[in-house]
Amino acid sequence: MPKSARMKDYVCLIQALPDDDPHELLGLHPEAMRGFKETQSQNFIDHLMALQPRATPASLMISQEKSEDELLMGIVSDLLKRLPLTVEKEENTGTQSTLKGLMSSPFWEFLYKNAKGHDPLIHCVLLAFLKQEMERFDKLLFVIHESLKDLQLAIKGEIVLSQELEETQESLLKSAVPPLWQKYAYKSCKPLSSWVNDLIQRLNFFNTWAKMAFGEIHHRYLRFIAVWKRAVPSLHPDPRRPVEEERDFLGGFPARYWLPAFFFPQAFLTAVLQDYGRSQGLSMDTLAFTHHVVSDTTECNEEELSIITQKQLNIVRRAFKARDSTHIGVHVFGLFIEGARWNHGEKVLEDSLPQELCCDFPEIHFLPTKISTDTPDPSHQADSELYTFECPVYQTPERLRTLTSAGLPSNLLTWVCLPTKKPPSHWITMQAALLCEKNEQ
């Protein structure tokens, strides 16, 4: 502006400036601005709904023939029918008919103490982790069922509507997860319908894993009984299966692990390192993961031809089908990449396509490796055309790094080293990250 410019000229110049800075100026991906505006719009809608009377959301969902209480009773009844009481649905048939009951029995303690050396199944840290995860899900299911039953009684006028029940009622009418459930649940940003569907898939995953582990443990019970006690009244060997039959201990575990299914994925990865360290006689402090992305082009083509619903329903089948030949480490799936995409042909990280902010990420092999104390060769690094980007893995799209009030781990789970042709600074600017769930607002 010239020195002779008037105040009116300055005002005109300021008004001519764009409302939003272009993404090129900030070094962001073109889709980052769209994601930011979607988040702003969703927050605006949430604030508008919070200002409306409580009955308004219900009136938008039902016809005039149904009242709010009738709608609420329908939602509660549907949830009670769809959600089981426990992860292992057969728990009422006996204490030793489920994995959790078996591992809590005195006989399991007997086997654990008398196993010679390191038994890869009985001393497996992943089994203890599985039991803890099922206990957390059972607690969540108990809270859900109790709150829904109390809400039914409150609607009928048989009990007083407490503050927690009132919050649950309002959340159900707004298709949101009640605060009481969130208190006992895993981290998630999904709306109620998607949250319930996701919970059912998690329960199916753990139920299938528990059944497989129970069958494998029961088989090994027979072998240990024959060696140590020769006869046990409570368990009878199967005459069709010889006691001396050897069996791969991996039969009680998934071929691939659905990482987003866990309450605490960090504990799962720690358990994998502990199991490997015990089997090799190494301290866990000397171990770390190396990562290999499994880029299967045939699997990619199948996903392109299938619909999203079918892919979601096949999560359990994908986890337990086709045993992998690699017995070291774990294969995980179910992650999403935001701010980038994976090139299956070149097996490198590259910029995402237009109108694609978040997409599916392939299976990753987490391989425990002893930390090397050797210094890297600079000449070898100079010859390589690829960089390594330590991609962060977050449990939710919120990407929170703060600890909870109970001191639980943060939203940042771990890092995955990915090869790329661009320097890591590029992906940091693009805010590229792996997510356990997509934003479904």
Protein backbone atom coordinates (compact mmCIF):
# COMPACT_ATOMS: atom_id res chain seq x y z
CA MET A 1 0.00 0.00 0.00
CA PRO A 2 1.31 3.47 -0.83
CA LYS A 3 1.92 5.94 1.97
CA SER A 4 -0.88 8.12 0.60
CA ALA A 5 -3.45 5.32 1.08
CA ARG A 6 -6.48 6.15 3.14
CA MET A 7 -8.18 4.11 5.84
CA LYS A 8 -10.81 3.04 3.31
CA ASP A 9 -8.09 1.53 1.12
CA TYR A 10 -6.74 -0.54 4.01
CA VAL A 11 -10.24 -1.80 4.83
CA CYS A 12 -10.82 -2.80 1.21
CA LEU A 13 -7.50 -4.67 1.13
CA ILE A 14 -8.27 -6.56 4.33
CA GLN A 15 -11.76 -7.48 3.14
CA ALA A 16 -10.29 -8.83 -0.10
CA LEU A 17 -8.13 -11.36 1.77
CA PRO A 18 -9.43 -14.98 1.68
CA ASP A 19 -11.29 -16.31 4.72
CA ASP A 20 -9.09 -19.41 4.86
CA ASP A 21 -5.40 -19.74 4.13
CA PRO A 22 -4.69 -22.03 1.14
CA HIS A 23 -3.29 -25.45 1.97
CA GLU A 24 -0.19 -24.75 -0.14
CA LEU A 25 0.77 -21.93 2.20
CA LEU A 26 0.63 -24.26 5.21
CA GLY A 27 2.19 -27.22 3.39
CA LEU A 28 -0.89 -29.41 3.97
CA HIS A 29 -2.60 -31.96 1.77
CA PRO A 30 -5.54 -30.59 -0.29
CA GLU A 31 -7.92 -32.93 1.54
CA ALA A 32 -6.81 -31.63 4.95
CA MET A 33 -8.94 -28.50 4.51
CA ARG A 34 -11.98 -30.62 3.67
CA GLY A 35 -11.48 -32.74 6.77
CA PHE A 36 -11.11 -29.61 8.90
CA LYS A 37 -14.35 -28.15 7.54
CA GLU A 38 -16.19 -31.44 8.13
CA THR A 39 -15.04 -31.44 11.74
CA GLN A 40 -16.14 -27.83 12.17
CA SER A 41 -19.55 -28.62 10.66
CA GLN A 42 -20.04 -31.63 12.91
CA ASN A 43 -19.16 -29.60 16.01
CA PHE A 44 -21.62 -26.92 14.90
CA ILE A 45 -24.38 -29.52 14.46
CA ASP A 46 -23.60 -31.05 17.87
CA HIS A 47 -23.93 -27.66 19.54
CA LEU A 48 -27.22 -27.01 17.75
CA MET A 49 -28.61 -30.36 18.91
CA ALA A 50 -27.51 -29.61 22.47
CA LEU A 51 -29.59 -26.41 22.40
CA GLN A 52 -32.74 -28.21 21.23
CA PRO A 53 -35.40 -29.60 23.61
CA ARG A 54 -34.83 -33.19 24.60
CA ALA A 55 -37.82 -34.48 22.62
CA THR A 56 -36.77 -32.88 19.35
CA PRO A 57 -34.24 -35.53 18.26
CA ALA A 58 -36.82 -38.24 18.83
CA SER A 59 -39.43 -36.42 16.80
CA LEU A 60 -37.05 -36.43 13.86
CA MET A 61 -36.68 -40.21 14.02
CA ILE A 62 -40.19 -41.50 14.54
CA SER A 63 -43.65 -40.93 13.24
CA GLN A 64 -46.40 -39.21 15.16
CA GLU A 65 -47.85 -42.61 16.06
CA LYS A 66 -44.93 -43.36 18.45
CA SER A 67 -44.06 -41.50 21.60
CA GLU A 68 -40.56 -40.90 22.90
CA ASP A 69 -40.93 -43.63 25.53
CA GLU A 70 -42.07 -46.14 22.90
CA LEU A 71 -39.08 -45.31 20.73
CA LEU A 72 -36.74 -45.64 23.70
CA MET A 73 -38.21 -48.99 24.73
CA GLY A 74 -37.69 -50.23 21.18
CA ILE A 75 -34.05 -49.16 21.19
CA VAL A 76 -33.43 -50.74 24.60
CA SER A 77 -35.12 -54.03 23.64
CA ASP A 78 -33.12 -54.25 20.43
CA LEU A 79 -29.82 -53.67 22.23
CA LEU A 80 -30.62 -56.27 24.89
CA LYS A 81 -31.35 -58.84 22.19
CA ARG A 82 -28.25 -58.13 20.13
CA LEU A 83 -25.63 -57.94 22.88
CA PRO A 84 -24.68 -61.13 24.77
CA LEU A 85 -24.22 -61.23 28.51
CA THR A 86 -20.57 -62.35 28.29
CA VAL A 87 -17.91 -62.89 25.65
CA GLU A 88 -18.06 -66.65 26.12
CA LYS A 89 -21.77 -67.31 25.73
CA GLU A 90 -21.51 -70.85 27.16
CA GLU A 91 -20.36 -69.63 30.59
CA ASN A 92 -23.51 -70.85 32.32
CA THR A 93 -22.80 -74.49 31.44
CA GLY A 94 -19.94 -74.87 33.88
CA THR A 95 -16.86 -73.21 35.29
CA GLN A 96 -14.42 -75.29 33.22
CA SER A 97 -16.37 -75.16 29.94
CA THR A 98 -14.91 -71.78 28.99
CA LEU A 99 -11.37 -70.49 28.66
CA LYS A 100 -11.78 -67.96 31.45
CA GLY A 101 -13.20 -70.59 33.80
CA LEU A 102 -10.49 -73.05 32.88
CA MET A 103 -7.66 -70.58 33.48
CA SER A 104 -9.19 -69.64 36.84
CA SER A 105 -9.41 -73.25 38.04
CA PRO A 106 -6.91 -74.89 40.44
CA PHE A 107 -5.96 -77.41 37.76
CA TRP A 108 -4.63 -74.62 35.53
CA GLU A 109 -2.41 -73.47 38.39
CA PHE A 110 -1.21 -77.06 38.75
CA LEU A 111 -0.30 -77.24 35.07
CA TYR A 112 1.40 -73.84 35.13
CA LYS A 113 3.63 -74.78 38.07
CA ASN A 114 4.52 -78.29 36.88
CA ALA A 115 5.25 -77.58 33.22
CA LYS A 116 8.88 -78.42 32.52
CA GLY A 117 10.84 -75.53 31.06
CA HIS A 118 9.02 -72.95 28.98
CA ASP A 119 5.76 -74.30 27.61
CA PRO A 120 4.75 -72.12 24.63
CA LEU A 121 1.05 -72.50 25.41
CA ILE A 122 0.65 -72.77 29.18
CA HIS A 123 3.24 -70.05 29.85
CA CYS A 124 2.01 -67.89 26.97
CA VAL A 125 1.59 -64.23 27.96
CA LEU A 126 -0.94 -63.77 25.15
CA LEU A 127 -3.32 -66.18 26.89
CA ALA A 128 -3.18 -64.10 30.07
CA PHE A 129 -3.73 -61.01 27.94
CA LEU A 130 -6.74 -62.67 26.27
CA LYS A 131 -8.24 -63.49 29.66
CA GLN A 132 -7.81 -59.87 30.82
CA GLU A 133 -9.39 -58.54 27.63
CA MET A 134 -12.41 -60.83 28.05
CA GLU A 135 -12.80 -59.67 31.64
CA ARG A 136 -12.89 -56.05 30.46
CA PHE A 137 -15.49 -56.84 27.81
CA ASP A 138 -17.56 -58.83 30.31
CA LYS A 139 -17.52 -55.84 32.66
CA LEU A 140 -18.62 -53.55 29.82
CA LEU A 141 -21.43 -55.92 28.84
CA PHE A 142 -22.57 -56.12 32.47
CA VAL A 143 -22.73 -52.31 32.73
CA ILE A 144 -24.63 -52.06 29.44
CA HIS A 145 -27.21 -54.70 30.36
CA GLU A 146 -27.74 -53.37 33.87
CA SER A 147 -28.19 -49.78 32.67
CA LEU A 148 -30.61 -50.85 29.93
CA LYS A 149 -32.69 -52.95 32.34
CA ASP A 150 -32.79 -50.10 34.85
CA LEU A 151 -33.82 -47.73 32.08
CA GLN A 152 -36.70 -50.03 31.19
CA LEU A 153 -37.88 -49.98 34.80
CA ALA A 154 -37.51 -46.20 34.96
CA ILE A 155 -39.59 -45.73 31.81
CA LYS A 156 -42.31 -47.91 33.34
CA GLY A 157 -42.17 -45.81 36.51
CA GLU A 158 -41.00 -48.64 38.75
CA ILE A 159 -37.73 -46.94 39.81
CA VAL A 160 -36.48 -43.36 40.02
CA LEU A 161 -34.74 -41.95 36.95
CA SER A 162 -31.22 -41.17 38.20
CA GLN A 163 -28.82 -38.76 36.56
CA GLU A 164 -26.87 -41.60 34.93
CA LEU A 165 -30.07 -43.11 33.53
CA GLU A 166 -31.19 -39.72 32.27
CA GLU A 167 -27.86 -39.25 30.48
CA THR A 168 -28.20 -42.73 29.01
CA GLN A 169 -31.72 -41.94 27.83
CA GLU A 170 -30.67 -38.71 26.14
CA SER A 171 -27.67 -40.36 24.50
CA LEU A 172 -29.74 -43.20 23.06
CA LEU A 173 -32.22 -40.74 21.59
CA LYS A 174 -29.36 -38.79 20.01
CA SER A 175 -27.70 -41.96 18.65
CA ALA A 176 -24.66 -41.39 20.86
CA VAL A 177 -22.79 -43.73 23.20
CA PRO A 178 -23.90 -43.02 26.80
CA PRO A 179 -21.21 -41.56 29.12
CA LEU A 180 -21.67 -44.47 31.53
CA TRP A 181 -20.72 -46.95 28.81
CA GLN A 182 -17.78 -44.84 27.68
CA LYS A 183 -16.43 -44.94 31.22
CA TYR A 184 -15.99 -48.73 30.99
CA ALA A 185 -15.38 -49.00 27.25
CA TYR A 186 -12.41 -48.71 24.95
CA LYS A 187 -11.58 -45.42 23.20
CA SER A 188 -13.85 -44.79 20.23
CA CYS A 189 -15.41 -41.87 18.36
CA LYS A 190 -18.12 -43.87 16.60
CA PRO A 191 -21.83 -43.01 16.82
CA LEU A 192 -24.10 -45.45 18.65
CA SER A 193 -25.16 -47.69 15.73
CA SER A 194 -21.60 -48.10 14.41
CA TRP A 195 -20.30 -48.51 17.96
CA VAL A 196 -22.70 -51.38 18.68
CA ASN A 197 -21.90 -53.13 15.39
CA ASP A 198 -18.20 -52.75 16.10
CA LEU A 199 -18.65 -54.11 19.64
CA ILE A 200 -20.44 -57.20 18.29
CA GLN A 201 -17.58 -57.85 15.87
CA ARG A 202 -15.06 -57.53 18.68
CA LEU A 203 -17.04 -59.99 20.79
CA ASN A 204 -17.17 -62.47 17.90
CA PHE A 205 -13.40 -62.16 17.46
CA PHE A 206 -12.65 -62.86 21.13
CA ASN A 207 -15.27 -65.61 21.35
CA THR A 208 -13.72 -67.44 18.40
CA TRP A 209 -10.21 -67.01 19.80
CA ALA A 210 -11.31 -68.26 23.22
CA LYS A 211 -12.92 -71.36 21.70
CA MET A 212 -9.77 -72.19 19.74
CA ALA A 213 -7.53 -71.67 22.77
CA PHE A 214 -9.84 -73.74 24.98
CA GLY A 215 -9.76 -76.64 22.53
CA GLU A 216 -5.97 -76.55 22.31
CA ILE A 217 -5.53 -76.31 26.09
CA HIS A 218 -7.99 -79.14 26.68
CA HIS A 219 -6.01 -81.35 24.32
CA ARG A 220 -2.78 -80.55 26.13
CA TYR A 221 -4.50 -81.25 29.47
CA LEU A 222 -4.90 -84.84 28.39
CA ARG A 223 -1.22 -85.15 27.52
CA PHE A 224 -0.06 -83.59 30.81
CA ILE A 225 -2.49 -85.71 32.79
CA ALA A 226 -1.12 -88.87 31.20
CA VAL A 227 2.44 -87.89 32.07
CA TRP A 228 1.99 -86.48 35.57
CA LYS A 229 -1.15 -87.90 37.13
CA ARG A 230 -2.01 -90.87 34.88
CA ALA A 231 -5.67 -90.54 35.80
CA VAL A 232 -7.95 -87.65 36.67
CA PRO A 233 -11.62 -88.29 37.49
CA SER A 234 -12.87 -84.96 36.14
CA LEU A 235 -11.31 -85.37 32.67
CA HIS A 236 -11.42 -88.46 30.46
CA PRO A 237 -9.06 -88.93 27.52
CA ASP A 238 -10.60 -89.14 24.07
CA PRO A 239 -10.07 -92.75 22.85
CA ARG A 240 -10.08 -91.55 19.23
CA ARG A 241 -7.06 -89.28 19.84
CA PRO A 242 -3.79 -90.82 21.08
CA VAL A 243 -2.20 -89.12 24.04
CA GLU A 244 1.22 -89.05 22.35
CA GLU A 245 -0.12 -87.01 19.43
CA GLU A 246 1.89 -83.81 18.98
CA ARG A 247 0.17 -80.65 17.90
CA ASP A 248 1.35 -77.18 16.93
CA PHE A 249 0.66 -74.82 19.82
CA LEU A 250 -0.20 -72.09 17.32
CA GLY A 251 -3.48 -73.90 16.70
CA GLY A 252 -4.97 -72.02 19.65
CA PHE A 253 -4.22 -68.58 18.24
CA PRO A 254 -5.46 -66.48 15.32
CA ALA A 255 -3.53 -66.41 12.07
CA ARG A 256 -3.93 -62.64 12.07
CA TYR A 257 -4.83 -60.29 14.90
CA TRP A 258 -7.43 -57.56 14.56
CA LEU A 259 -5.46 -54.84 16.35
CA PRO A 260 -8.38 -52.36 16.75
CA ALA A 261 -10.36 -55.03 18.64
CA PHE A 262 -8.32 -54.71 21.83
CA PHE A 263 -9.00 -52.47 24.80
CA PHE A 264 -5.27 -51.81 25.08
CA PRO A 265 -3.34 -52.64 21.89
CA GLN A 266 -0.13 -51.55 23.65
CA ALA A 267 -0.51 -54.45 26.10
CA PHE A 268 -0.97 -56.85 23.18
CA LEU A 269 2.28 -55.76 21.54
CA THR A 270 4.09 -55.96 24.89
CA ALA A 271 2.79 -59.52 25.39
CA VAL A 272 4.15 -60.52 21.98
CA LEU A 273 7.61 -59.23 22.92
CA GLN A 274 7.44 -60.99 26.31
CA ASP A 275 6.53 -64.33 24.72
CA TYR A 276 9.35 -64.07 22.22
CA GLY A 277 11.82 -62.99 24.90
CA ARG A 278 10.92 -65.91 27.15
CA SER A 279 11.19 -68.42 24.30
CA GLN A 280 14.64 -67.09 23.35
CA GLY A 281 15.89 -66.35 26.86
CA LEU A 282 16.16 -62.62 26.14
CA SER A 283 15.16 -59.61 28.19
CA MET A 284 12.29 -57.62 26.76
CA ASP A 285 14.40 -54.46 27.06
CA THR A 286 16.70 -55.84 24.37
CA LEU A 287 13.87 -56.42 21.88
CA ALA A 288 12.03 -54.20 19.44
CA PHE A 289 9.70 -54.67 16.49
CA THR A 290 10.64 -54.53 12.86
CA HIS A 291 7.72 -54.02 10.50
CA HIS A 292 6.95 -55.59 7.13
CA VAL A 293 3.87 -54.54 5.18
CA VAL A 294 2.24 -57.56 3.53
CA SER A 295 1.22 -56.21 0.12
CA ASP A 296 -0.86 -58.97 -1.43
CA THR A 297 -2.09 -57.77 -4.82
CA THR A 298 -4.64 -60.56 -5.10
CA GLU A 299 -6.14 -59.63 -1.75
CA CYS A 300 -6.24 -56.00 -2.85
CA ASN A 301 -8.21 -56.92 -5.97
CA GLU A 302 -10.69 -58.92 -3.91
CA GLU A 303 -11.27 -55.94 -1.64
CA GLU A 304 -11.94 -53.71 -4.63
CA LEU A 305 -14.63 -56.10 -5.85
CA SER A 306 -16.27 -56.64 -2.46
CA ILE A 307 -18.58 -54.25 -0.67
CA ILE A 308 -17.79 -52.61 2.66
CA THR A 309 -20.44 -54.57 4.56
CA GLN A 310 -19.05 -57.89 3.38
CA LYS A 311 -15.54 -56.87 4.42
CA GLN A 312 -16.78 -56.01 7.91
CA LEU A 313 -18.61 -59.31 8.27
CA ASN A 314 -15.48 -61.22 7.21
CA ILE A 315 -13.28 -59.85 9.99
CA VAL A 316 -13.46 -63.05 12.04
CA ARG A 317 -12.93 -65.22 8.96
CA ARG A 318 -9.93 -63.14 7.95
CA ALA A 319 -8.41 -63.44 11.41
CA PHE A 320 -8.68 -67.21 11.69
CA LYS A 321 -8.34 -68.46 8.11
CA ALA A 322 -5.19 -69.81 6.41
CA ARG A 323 -2.42 -70.39 8.93
CA ASP A 324 0.67 -68.32 8.09
CA SER A 325 3.98 -70.14 7.73
CA THR A 326 5.74 -67.52 9.87
CA HIS A 327 5.60 -68.50 13.56
CA ILE A 328 7.69 -65.58 14.80
CA GLY A 329 5.89 -62.35 15.53
CA VAL A 330 2.29 -61.51 14.70
CA HIS A 331 0.36 -60.33 11.66
CA VAL A 332 -2.11 -57.52 12.39
CA PHE A 333 -4.82 -56.00 10.22
CA GLY A 334 -7.68 -53.52 10.45
CA LEU A 335 -5.69 -50.28 10.39
CA PHE A 336 -6.38 -47.19 8.28
CA ILE A 337 -3.93 -44.67 6.86
CA GLU A 338 -4.76 -40.96 6.96
CA GLY A 339 -2.85 -38.32 5.01
CA ALA A 340 -1.13 -40.90 2.78
CA ARG A 341 -1.67 -44.22 1.01
CA TRP A 342 0.24 -47.45 0.48
CA ASN A 343 1.46 -48.32 -3.02
CA HIS A 344 1.03 -52.10 -3.29
CA GLY A 345 3.15 -52.35 -6.43
CA GLU A 346 6.20 -50.40 -5.28
CA LYS A 347 5.63 -51.20 -1.58
CA VAL A 348 6.21 -47.63 -0.44
CA LEU A 349 4.22 -44.86 1.20
CA GLU A 350 2.97 -42.19 -1.20
CA ASP A 351 0.59 -39.22 -1.29
CA SER A 352 -3.10 -40.04 -1.07
CA LEU A 353 -5.35 -39.77 -4.10
CA PRO A 354 -7.68 -36.79 -4.64
CA GLN A 355 -10.83 -36.91 -2.49
CA GLU A 356 -9.24 -39.67 -0.38
CA LEU A 357 -8.24 -38.52 3.07
CA CYS A 358 -8.38 -41.95 4.77
CA CYS A 359 -8.14 -45.45 3.29
CA ASP A 360 -7.53 -49.06 4.34
CA PHE A 361 -3.98 -50.16 5.13
CA PRO A 362 -2.65 -53.64 4.37
CA GLU A 363 -1.64 -56.29 6.85
CA ILE A 364 1.53 -55.63 8.87
CA HIS A 365 3.95 -58.23 10.22
CA PHE A 366 5.28 -57.21 13.63
CA LEU A 367 8.54 -59.15 13.95
CA PRO A 368 10.38 -59.16 17.32
CA THR A 369 14.07 -58.47 16.76
CA LYS A 370 17.01 -58.10 19.08
CA ILE A 371 18.15 -54.49 19.21
CA SER A 372 21.45 -54.15 17.37
CA THR A 373 24.30 -52.26 19.01
CA ASP A 374 26.21 -51.93 15.73
CA THR A 375 26.41 -48.48 14.18
CA PRO A 376 24.76 -48.24 10.75
CA ASP A 377 27.00 -48.04 7.69
CA PRO A 378 26.71 -44.53 6.16
CA SER A 379 27.70 -45.79 2.71
CA HIS A 380 24.84 -48.30 2.75
CA GLN A 381 22.35 -45.58 3.69
CA ALA A 382 23.63 -43.34 0.89
CA ASP A 383 23.10 -46.06 -1.72
CA SER A 384 19.48 -46.57 -0.69
CA GLU A 385 16.88 -44.45 -2.46
CA LEU A 386 14.27 -44.98 0.25
CA TYR A 387 13.68 -43.16 3.50
CA THR A 388 12.09 -44.63 6.62
CA PHE A 389 9.14 -42.84 8.18
CA GLU A 390 8.16 -43.72 11.74
CA CYS A 391 4.42 -43.53 11.24
CA PRO A 392 2.46 -43.01 14.49
CA VAL A 393 -0.47 -45.32 15.25
CA TYR A 394 -3.45 -43.78 17.04
CA GLN A 395 -6.44 -45.53 18.54
CA THR A 396 -8.94 -42.90 17.34
CA PRO A 397 -8.91 -40.07 14.77
CA GLU A 398 -8.66 -37.56 17.64
CA ARG A 399 -4.95 -38.39 18.03
CA LEU A 400 -4.86 -37.47 21.72
CA ARG A 401 -1.56 -37.94 23.55
CA THR A 402 -2.76 -37.14 27.07
CA LEU A 403 -3.15 -39.70 29.84
CA THR A 404 -6.54 -40.46 31.31
CA SER A 405 -7.45 -39.69 34.92
CA ALA A 406 -6.74 -43.33 35.79
CA GLY A 407 -3.24 -43.10 34.29
CA LEU A 408 -4.05 -45.41 31.37
CA PRO A 409 -2.00 -45.31 28.16
CA SER A 410 -2.65 -42.44 25.78
CA ASN A 411 -4.25 -42.51 22.35
CA LEU A 412 -0.81 -42.90 20.77
CA LEU A 413 -0.19 -46.66 20.57
CA THR A 414 3.11 -47.19 18.79
CA TRP A 415 5.09 -46.37 15.65
CA VAL A 416 5.40 -48.39 12.45
CA CYS A 417 8.47 -47.91 10.24
CA LEU A 418 7.37 -47.53 6.62
CA PRO A 419 9.56 -47.15 3.52
CA THR A 420 9.00 -44.04 1.43
CA LYS A 421 10.64 -42.13 -1.41
CA LYS A 422 10.02 -38.81 0.32
CA PRO A 423 11.78 -37.58 3.47
CA PRO A 424 10.01 -38.06 6.81
CA SER A 425 9.53 -34.30 7.14
CA HIS A 426 7.07 -34.45 4.24
CA TRP A 427 4.82 -36.94 6.04
CA ILE A 428 5.09 -35.03 9.31
CA THR A 429 3.81 -31.95 7.49
CA MET A 430 1.02 -34.03 5.91
CA GLN A 431 0.19 -35.37 9.39
CA ALA A 432 0.20 -38.91 8.05
CA ALA A 433 -0.79 -41.50 10.65
CA LEU A 434 -2.23 -44.97 11.05
CA LEU A 435 -5.60 -45.18 12.80
CA CYS A 436 -7.50 -48.01 14.46
CA GLU A 437 -10.80 -46.51 13.31
CA LYS A 438 -12.00 -44.01 10.74
CA ASN A 439 -13.98 -40.88 11.46
CA GLU A 440 -17.66 -41.74 11.00
CA GLN A 441 -19.23 -38.51 12.22
